[in-house]
Protein backbone atom coordinates (compact mmCIF):
# COMPACT_ATOMS: atom_id res chain seq x y z
CA MET A 1 -69.18 171.56 176.40
CA SER A 2 -71.05 174.35 174.62
CA LYS A 3 -68.98 174.29 171.43
CA ILE A 4 -69.85 172.99 167.99
CA LYS A 5 -67.78 172.70 164.84
CA LEU A 6 -69.57 173.65 161.66
CA ALA A 7 -68.71 173.81 157.99
CA ALA A 8 -70.35 175.86 155.24
CA LEU A 9 -69.68 175.37 151.53
CA GLN A 10 -69.45 178.20 149.02
CA LEU A 11 -69.39 176.23 145.79
CA GLU A 12 -69.20 177.03 142.08
CA LEU A 13 -72.69 175.94 141.14
CA GLU A 14 -74.45 175.54 137.81
CA LYS A 15 -77.89 177.07 137.46
CA THR A 16 -79.48 173.69 138.18
CA ASN A 17 -78.86 169.92 138.54
CA ASN A 18 -76.03 170.17 141.09
CA LEU A 19 -76.86 167.10 143.20
CA ASN A 20 -73.94 164.88 142.20
CA TYR A 21 -71.44 167.72 142.53
CA LEU A 22 -72.79 168.61 145.96
CA LEU A 23 -72.67 165.03 147.19
CA ASP A 24 -69.08 164.70 145.96
CA GLU A 25 -68.11 167.85 147.85
CA LEU A 26 -69.96 166.75 150.98
CA ASN A 27 -68.39 163.31 150.92
CA GLN A 28 -64.91 164.77 150.52
CA LEU A 29 -65.53 167.23 153.34
CA CYS A 30 -66.70 164.55 155.76
CA LYS A 31 -63.80 162.31 154.75
CA ASN A 32 -61.27 165.06 155.50
CA SER A 33 -62.98 166.43 158.62
CA ASN A 34 -64.49 163.67 160.72
CA ASP A 35 -65.27 165.86 163.73
CA LEU A 36 -67.91 168.11 162.19
CA ASP A 37 -71.21 168.69 163.96
CA LEU A 38 -73.10 170.74 161.38
CA VAL A 39 -72.74 171.24 157.60
CA ILE A 40 -74.51 173.95 155.59
CA LEU A 41 -75.14 174.58 151.88
CA SER A 42 -76.37 177.72 150.12
CA GLU A 43 -79.90 178.60 149.04
CA LEU A 44 -81.39 176.46 146.23
CA ALA A 45 -77.99 174.83 145.76
CA VAL A 46 -79.40 171.66 144.22
CA GLY A 47 -81.99 172.90 141.76
CA GLY A 48 -81.55 176.64 141.38
CA ALA A 49 -84.19 179.35 141.11
CA GLY A 50 -87.70 179.02 139.74
CA ALA A 51 -90.63 177.75 141.78
CA LYS A 52 -93.10 177.50 138.90
CA ASN A 53 -93.12 173.98 137.41
CA CYS A 54 -90.22 173.15 139.72
CA ASP A 55 -88.29 169.98 138.80
CA HIS A 56 -86.36 169.92 142.07
CA PRO A 57 -88.83 169.90 144.96
CA PHE A 58 -87.77 169.06 148.48
CA LYS A 59 -89.60 165.71 148.51
CA LYS A 60 -87.36 164.52 145.66
CA TYR A 61 -84.20 164.96 147.75
CA LYS A 62 -85.38 164.46 151.32
CA LYS A 63 -84.18 160.84 151.58
CA VAL A 64 -80.84 161.58 149.90
CA PHE A 65 -79.86 164.18 152.47
CA SER A 66 -81.45 162.33 155.36
CA ASP A 67 -79.33 159.29 154.51
CA PHE A 68 -76.21 161.43 154.18
CA ALA A 69 -76.70 163.03 157.59
CA MET A 70 -77.25 159.63 159.21
CA LYS A 71 -74.31 157.98 157.43
CA ASN A 72 -71.91 160.72 158.53
CA SER A 73 -73.52 161.39 161.93
CA ILE A 74 -73.85 165.11 161.33
CA PHE A 75 -76.53 167.76 161.43
CA LEU A 76 -77.14 168.88 157.85
CA ILE A 77 -78.77 171.98 156.36
CA PRO A 78 -78.65 171.18 152.62
CA GLY A 79 -79.49 174.70 151.45
CA THR A 80 -83.08 175.35 150.48
CA PHE A 81 -85.73 173.84 148.21
CA TYR A 82 -89.14 174.70 146.90
CA GLU A 83 -91.90 172.76 148.61
CA GLU A 84 -95.64 172.72 148.06
CA ILE A 85 -97.51 172.89 151.36
CA ASN A 86 -101.30 172.95 151.37
CA GLY A 87 -101.35 174.04 147.75
CA LYS A 88 -98.82 176.88 148.21
CA ASN A 89 -95.15 176.98 147.23
CA PHE A 90 -92.59 177.90 149.88
CA ASN A 91 -88.83 178.26 149.83
CA VAL A 92 -87.75 176.00 152.71
CA SER A 93 -84.53 175.12 154.49
CA PRO A 94 -84.65 171.68 156.15
CA VAL A 95 -82.57 170.55 159.11
CA PHE A 96 -81.58 166.89 159.54
CA ASN A 97 -80.03 165.57 162.75
CA ARG A 98 -77.37 162.88 163.17
CA ASN A 99 -80.02 160.16 162.85
CA GLY A 100 -81.27 161.57 159.56
CA GLU A 101 -84.46 162.86 161.16
CA LEU A 102 -86.04 166.06 159.86
CA ILE A 103 -86.13 168.11 163.08
CA ALA A 104 -86.85 171.61 161.73
CA LYS A 105 -87.72 173.45 158.56
CA ALA A 106 -87.37 177.18 157.98
CA LYS A 107 -89.71 178.85 155.51
CA LYS A 108 -88.61 182.01 153.75
CA ILE A 109 -90.54 184.90 155.24
CA TYR A 110 -89.80 187.44 152.51
CA PRO A 111 -89.46 186.05 148.97
CA TRP A 112 -87.41 188.41 146.80
CA LEU A 113 -90.38 190.15 145.23
CA PRO A 114 -91.12 191.13 142.55
CA TYR A 115 -88.49 188.74 141.14
CA GLU A 116 -89.00 185.50 143.11
CA GLU A 117 -92.43 184.74 141.73
CA ASP A 118 -94.85 181.98 142.72
CA VAL A 119 -93.41 181.73 146.25
CA GLU A 120 -95.57 182.24 149.32
CA SER A 121 -94.49 184.44 152.24
CA SER A 122 -94.23 182.66 155.57
CA SER A 123 -95.15 184.08 158.97
CA GLU A 124 -93.18 181.46 160.93
CA ILE A 125 -89.68 181.61 162.39
CA CYS A 126 -87.36 178.63 162.81
CA VAL A 127 -85.22 178.09 165.90
CA PHE A 128 -83.99 174.68 167.05
CA ASN A 129 -81.86 173.49 169.93
CA PHE A 130 -78.56 171.84 169.12
CA GLU A 131 -78.12 168.87 171.46
CA GLY A 132 -78.63 170.97 174.58
CA LYS A 133 -75.66 173.22 173.77
CA GLY A 134 -77.49 176.24 172.38
CA ASN A 135 -80.06 177.51 169.92
CA ILE A 136 -79.74 178.00 166.17
CA GLY A 137 -82.06 180.12 164.04
CA ILE A 138 -82.48 180.08 160.28
CA HIS A 139 -83.80 182.69 157.91
CA ILE A 140 -83.31 182.70 154.15
CA CYS A 141 -81.60 185.16 151.79
CA TYR A 142 -83.81 188.26 151.44
CA ASP A 143 -84.97 187.84 155.04
CA LEU A 144 -81.63 189.46 155.95
CA TRP A 145 -82.97 192.76 154.62
CA PHE A 146 -85.72 192.77 157.25
CA PRO A 147 -84.23 193.25 160.74
CA GLU A 148 -87.56 192.18 162.21
CA THR A 149 -86.78 188.60 161.17
CA SER A 150 -83.40 188.41 162.89
CA ARG A 151 -84.82 190.18 165.93
CA ALA A 152 -87.58 187.55 166.13
CA LEU A 153 -84.97 184.77 165.95
CA ALA A 154 -82.82 186.36 168.65
CA MET A 155 -85.78 186.93 170.95
CA ALA A 156 -86.70 183.26 170.49
CA GLY A 157 -83.26 182.39 171.81
CA ALA A 158 -81.15 181.97 168.65
CA GLU A 159 -77.45 182.33 169.45
CA ILE A 160 -76.36 181.48 165.92
CA ILE A 161 -78.28 182.67 162.87
CA ILE A 162 -77.72 180.84 159.60
CA ASN A 163 -78.70 182.48 156.33
CA PRO A 164 -78.47 180.34 153.18
CA THR A 165 -78.55 182.78 150.27
CA MET A 166 -78.36 182.89 146.48
CA THR A 167 -77.28 186.38 145.47
CA PRO A 168 -75.80 186.98 141.99
CA THR A 169 -76.64 190.70 141.92
CA LYS A 170 -74.79 193.99 142.45
CA ASP A 171 -76.23 194.47 145.95
CA ARG A 172 -74.06 191.73 147.46
CA ASP A 173 -71.54 194.15 149.00
CA ILE A 174 -74.33 195.85 150.93
CA GLU A 175 -75.53 192.45 152.18
CA THR A 176 -72.14 191.75 153.73
CA ILE A 177 -72.47 194.99 155.71
CA MET A 178 -75.95 193.93 156.82
CA VAL A 179 -74.53 190.63 158.05
CA ARG A 180 -72.03 192.41 160.30
CA ALA A 181 -74.67 194.82 161.57
CA THR A 182 -77.16 192.04 162.27
CA ALA A 183 -74.60 190.02 164.23
CA ALA A 184 -73.86 193.05 166.38
CA GLN A 185 -77.49 194.12 166.83
CA GLN A 186 -78.66 190.66 167.82
CA GLN A 187 -75.45 189.78 169.69
CA CYS A 188 -75.08 186.43 167.95
CA PHE A 189 -72.88 184.52 165.57
CA TYR A 190 -74.12 184.99 162.01
CA LEU A 191 -73.28 182.77 159.04
CA ASP A 192 -74.27 183.94 155.56
CA ILE A 193 -73.46 181.36 152.87
CA ASN A 194 -73.85 182.27 149.19
CA GLY A 195 -73.15 180.28 146.04
CA SER A 196 -70.72 181.22 143.31
CA GLY A 197 -70.38 180.22 139.66
CA GLU A 198 -73.68 180.62 137.82
CA GLN A 199 -75.76 180.78 141.00
CA GLY A 200 -74.14 183.63 142.89
CA ASN A 201 -71.25 186.03 143.33
CA GLY A 202 -69.94 184.57 146.57
CA LYS A 203 -68.69 186.85 149.34
CA SER A 204 -69.94 184.50 152.04
CA LEU A 205 -68.90 185.39 155.57
CA ILE A 206 -69.11 184.39 159.21
CA CYS A 207 -69.31 187.02 161.95
CA ASP A 208 -69.18 186.83 165.70
CA TYR A 209 -71.52 188.43 168.25
CA GLU A 210 -69.68 191.77 167.97
CA GLY A 211 -69.93 191.94 164.18
CA SER A 212 -66.28 191.02 163.65
CA ILE A 213 -65.57 188.91 160.56
CA LEU A 214 -64.25 185.45 161.46
CA ASP A 215 -63.87 184.33 157.86
CA PHE A 216 -64.70 185.72 154.41
CA ALA A 217 -64.65 184.58 150.79
CA GLU A 218 -64.53 186.36 147.48
CA ASN A 219 -66.04 184.49 144.51
CA GLU A 220 -63.92 181.36 144.73
CA ARG A 221 -64.85 177.88 145.89
CA LYS A 222 -64.31 177.92 149.62
CA ILE A 223 -65.06 175.63 152.54
CA PHE A 224 -65.55 177.44 155.84
CA GLU A 225 -64.80 175.52 159.00
CA VAL A 226 -65.23 177.21 162.36
CA GLU A 227 -65.73 176.27 165.99
CA ILE A 228 -68.45 178.24 167.76
CA ASP A 229 -68.99 178.49 171.50
CA PHE A 230 -72.59 179.21 172.46
CA ASP A 231 -71.46 180.35 175.91
CA LEU A 232 -69.69 183.37 174.39
CA VAL A 233 -73.05 184.64 173.13
CA LYS A 234 -74.65 184.12 176.53
CA LYS A 235 -71.84 186.09 178.17
CA ALA A 236 -72.07 188.90 175.60
CA ARG A 237 -75.83 189.19 176.02
CA THR A 238 -75.45 189.19 179.80
CA ASN A 239 -72.55 191.65 180.01
CA GLY A 240 -73.29 193.84 176.99
CA PHE A 241 -71.79 194.57 173.57
CA MET A 242 -68.05 194.99 174.24
CA GLY A 243 -69.10 195.28 177.88
CA LEU A 244 -71.35 198.23 177.01
CA GLY A 245 -74.90 198.24 175.58
CA GLN A 246 -77.23 195.30 176.24
CA PRO A 247 -79.71 195.46 173.30
CA ILE A 248 -81.28 192.03 173.81
CA LYS A 249 -82.20 192.81 177.41
CA SER A 250 -83.30 196.34 176.50
CA PHE A 251 -85.65 194.98 173.85
CA ARG A 252 -86.86 192.33 176.29
CA ASP A 253 -87.80 195.00 178.79
CA ASN A 254 -89.25 197.47 176.28
CA PRO A 255 -90.33 195.68 173.09
CA PHE A 256 -91.26 198.01 170.25
CA SER A 257 -93.53 197.19 167.35
CA PRO A 258 -93.82 199.82 164.61
CA ILE A 259 -96.83 198.11 162.99
CA LYS A 260 -99.33 200.41 164.67
CA ASP A 261 -97.41 203.41 163.35
CA PHE A 262 -97.76 202.69 159.62
CA ASN A 263 -98.37 205.82 157.56
CA LYS A 264 -100.76 204.19 155.13
CA GLU A 265 -101.10 207.19 152.81
CA TYR A 266 -97.34 207.59 152.47
CA LEU A 267 -96.80 203.89 151.84
CA LYS A 268 -99.57 203.86 149.25
CA SER A 269 -97.80 206.69 147.42
CA LEU A 270 -94.80 204.42 146.76
CA GLY A 271 -96.84 202.45 144.22
CA GLU A 272 -97.25 198.76 143.59
CA LEU A 273 -94.63 196.14 144.29
CA LYS A 274 -93.45 195.50 140.73
CA ARG A 275 -90.27 195.38 138.69
CA SER A 276 -88.56 198.70 138.22
CA LYS A 277 -88.25 200.18 134.74
CA ASP A 278 -84.76 201.49 135.55
C-alpha cells in the first residue's frame, strides 16, 4: 500500500499560549479518527510570532509532542517553533514518528524579512521517507514565495510538500494561487495549513499533483482529512502533467541555475531590504 491518511488543523488561535487548546483539539481528533497516519499543525501554533526573548522554544515542548505521537501511534508535525542552534535562532518544523522519535526537522529557508526579525536563514532542505511508502518534504510559510525551495524538495524526491504557515495579511489570496501553481509545477500533492483567529486569516488548502484543489477553508475552524496515494505522483511524473509535459524529468535532464546570471547593478538599485514606508 502506498496510501496514507493525514489530517491538518486550521484552528482559531490566540496570539500565544495555545498549548492546552491544541492538545484538546489533537486528542479529540485522534479519538474520532483512529486510522490517521500523519497530523499537521500550522506555523508557530503554540507560541506565536517573535523570536527575540522567545518564551516558547522548541525544547520546551519537544517531550509533550513526542509523547503525544507515541501515545496515539501517529506521525506528528506540530507546526513550527523557534529554536536556538549554535547561537542562532531558526524557525523549525519538527517531525515525530509513531514511536515519538524526532526523525526530521525543517528549518525555514526564507524568514519573512524585514518583518520576521532575529531569525536566521537556513540553507538546508527537509525530505523524509514515510514508512517506505513515499517521500514528504517540508518548507515553511514564506518559503512558498521562492519556487527554488519547492523545486529543491521535488528534486530530492518529495511527493508531498507540507507548508505550515502563519499568514494574517492581505496577500493570502495570492498565496493560495501559488499553492496551486507549485503543486502543478512540481507534480506533487501540496498541503498549505494556516491558522485563523488572531494568528492568521485561514484559507488553508490541499492540492493534488495537477494543481486541483482537494479541500479548502475560509477563515473558520476546520479539520482537513484526506487520503493520499504516493503512487499517483509517481505515475504523473512518469507520464506527464495530464499526460502532457514532464517538468520533473525535463529539469532532471537540463537543470538550470540562474545564480550565475545575477544582474548585480540592477539588484543593488532596488535598495536595502527594509520595511516599506507605504
